[in-house]
């Protein structure tokens, strides 16, 4: 069994609460990094918007347009 198949099998065990908790972990990790490296928050807001759009393209496409 390859790595991707093993990870897919493990992810399928997660329910919605587990997924949301994992999202919360990522959010709080980002907050910790922002507190440890405060210069990150001095970045222009346009960069955050660009990253937001780039990260949102595929999920939006899959959710709304993919058949």
C-alpha atoms as a PDB file:
ATOM      1  CA  UNK A   1       0.000   0.000   0.000  1.00  0.00           C
ATOM      2  CA  UNK A   2       1.422   3.353  -1.007  1.00  0.00           C
ATOM      3  CA  UNK A   3       1.628   6.451   1.107  1.00  0.00           C
ATOM      4  CA  UNK A   4      -1.307   8.191  -0.617  1.00  0.00           C
ATOM      5  CA  UNK A   5      -3.579   5.187  -0.272  1.00  0.00           C
ATOM      6  CA  UNK A   6      -2.673   4.892   3.407  1.00  0.00           C
ATOM      7  CA  UNK A   7      -3.365   8.591   4.021  1.00  0.00           C
ATOM      8  CA  UNK A   8      -6.661   8.375   2.119  1.00  0.00           C
ATOM      9  CA  UNK A   9      -7.732   5.418   4.255  1.00  0.00           C
ATOM     10  CA  UNK A  10      -6.875   7.317   7.425  1.00  0.00           C
ATOM     11  CA  UNK A  11      -8.631  10.532   6.326  1.00  0.00           C
ATOM     12  CA  UNK A  12     -11.827   8.635   5.551  1.00  0.00           C
ATOM     13  CA  UNK A  13     -12.054   7.707   9.239  1.00  0.00           C
ATOM     14  CA  UNK A  14     -12.453  11.358  10.231  1.00  0.00           C
ATOM     15  CA  UNK A  15     -15.885  12.825  10.805  1.00  0.00           C
ATOM     16  CA  UNK A  16     -16.847  16.491  10.497  1.00  0.00           C
ATOM     17  CA  UNK A  17     -15.885  17.306  14.090  1.00  0.00           C
ATOM     18  CA  UNK A  18     -12.390  15.894  13.549  1.00  0.00           C
ATOM     19  CA  UNK A  19     -11.963  17.941  10.368  1.00  0.00           C
ATOM     20  CA  UNK A  20     -13.091  21.154  12.079  1.00  0.00           C
ATOM     21  CA  UNK A  21     -10.780  20.486  15.028  1.00  0.00           C
ATOM     22  CA  UNK A  22      -7.878  20.020  12.596  1.00  0.00           C
ATOM     23  CA  UNK A  23      -8.780  23.349  10.972  1.00  0.00           C
ATOM     24  CA  UNK A  24      -8.767  24.970  14.409  1.00  0.00           C
ATOM     25  CA  UNK A  25      -5.333  23.507  15.114  1.00  0.00           C
ATOM     26  CA  UNK A  26      -4.010  25.069  11.900  1.00  0.00           C
ATOM     27  CA  UNK A  27      -5.567  28.424  12.822  1.00  0.00           C
ATOM     28  CA  UNK A  28      -4.075  28.443  16.304  1.00  0.00           C
ATOM     29  CA  UNK A  29      -0.697  27.350  14.957  1.00  0.00           C
ATOM     30  CA  UNK A  30      -0.809  30.369  12.639  1.00  0.00           C
ATOM     31  CA  UNK A  31      -1.595  32.593  15.636  1.00  0.00           C
ATOM     32  CA  UNK A  32       1.364  31.179  17.580  1.00  0.00           C
ATOM     33  CA  UNK A  33       3.677  31.793  14.629  1.00  0.00           C
ATOM     34  CA  UNK A  34       2.331  35.351  14.289  1.00  0.00           C
ATOM     35  CA  UNK A  35       3.018  35.993  17.980  1.00  0.00           C
ATOM     36  CA  UNK A  36       6.520  34.530  17.780  1.00  0.00           C
ATOM     37  CA  UNK A  37       7.403  36.447  14.597  1.00  0.00           C
ATOM     38  CA  UNK A  38       5.484  39.744  14.817  1.00  0.00           C
ATOM     39  CA  UNK A  39       7.093  41.086  11.628  1.00  0.00           C
ATOM     40  CA  UNK A  40       4.780  38.759   9.691  1.00  0.00           C
ATOM     41  CA  UNK A  41       1.857  40.986  10.634  1.00  0.00           C
ATOM     42  CA  UNK A  42       3.598  44.000   9.075  1.00  0.00           C
ATOM     43  CA  UNK A  43       3.184  42.482   5.596  1.00  0.00           C
ATOM     44  CA  UNK A  44       0.908  44.436   3.280  1.00  0.00           C
ATOM     45  CA  UNK A  45      -2.703  43.188   3.330  1.00  0.00           C
ATOM     46  CA  UNK A  46      -2.634  42.718  -0.452  1.00  0.00           C
ATOM     47  CA  UNK A  47      -0.326  39.717  -0.043  1.00  0.00           C
ATOM     48  CA  UNK A  48      -2.790  38.055   2.309  1.00  0.00           C
ATOM     49  CA  UNK A  49      -5.627  38.684  -0.156  1.00  0.00           C
ATOM     50  CA  UNK A  50      -3.589  37.187  -3.017  1.00  0.00           C
ATOM     51  CA  UNK A  51      -2.758  34.109  -0.929  1.00  0.00           C
ATOM     52  CA  UNK A  52      -6.405  33.799   0.100  1.00  0.00           C
ATOM     53  CA  UNK A  53      -7.581  33.845  -3.512  1.00  0.00           C
ATOM     54  CA  UNK A  54      -4.896  31.390  -4.639  1.00  0.00           C
ATOM     55  CA  UNK A  55      -5.777  28.948  -1.860  1.00  0.00           C
ATOM     56  CA  UNK A  56      -9.525  29.277  -2.503  1.00  0.00           C
ATOM     57  CA  UNK A  57      -9.515  28.644  -6.270  1.00  0.00           C
ATOM     58  CA  UNK A  58      -9.448  24.826  -6.241  1.00  0.00           C
ATOM     59  CA  UNK A  59     -11.933  24.229  -3.391  1.00  0.00           C
ATOM     60  CA  UNK A  60     -14.397  26.694  -4.921  1.00  0.00           C
ATOM     61  CA  UNK A  61     -14.037  25.042  -8.318  1.00  0.00           C
ATOM     62  CA  UNK A  62     -14.540  21.554  -6.918  1.00  0.00           C
ATOM     63  CA  UNK A  63     -17.497  22.598  -4.739  1.00  0.00           C
ATOM     64  CA  UNK A  64     -19.425  24.699  -7.270  1.00  0.00           C
ATOM     65  CA  UNK A  65     -18.380  23.698 -10.792  1.00  0.00           C
ATOM     66  CA  UNK A  66     -16.994  20.151 -10.934  1.00  0.00           C
ATOM     67  CA  UNK A  67     -19.570  17.563 -11.900  1.00  0.00           C
END
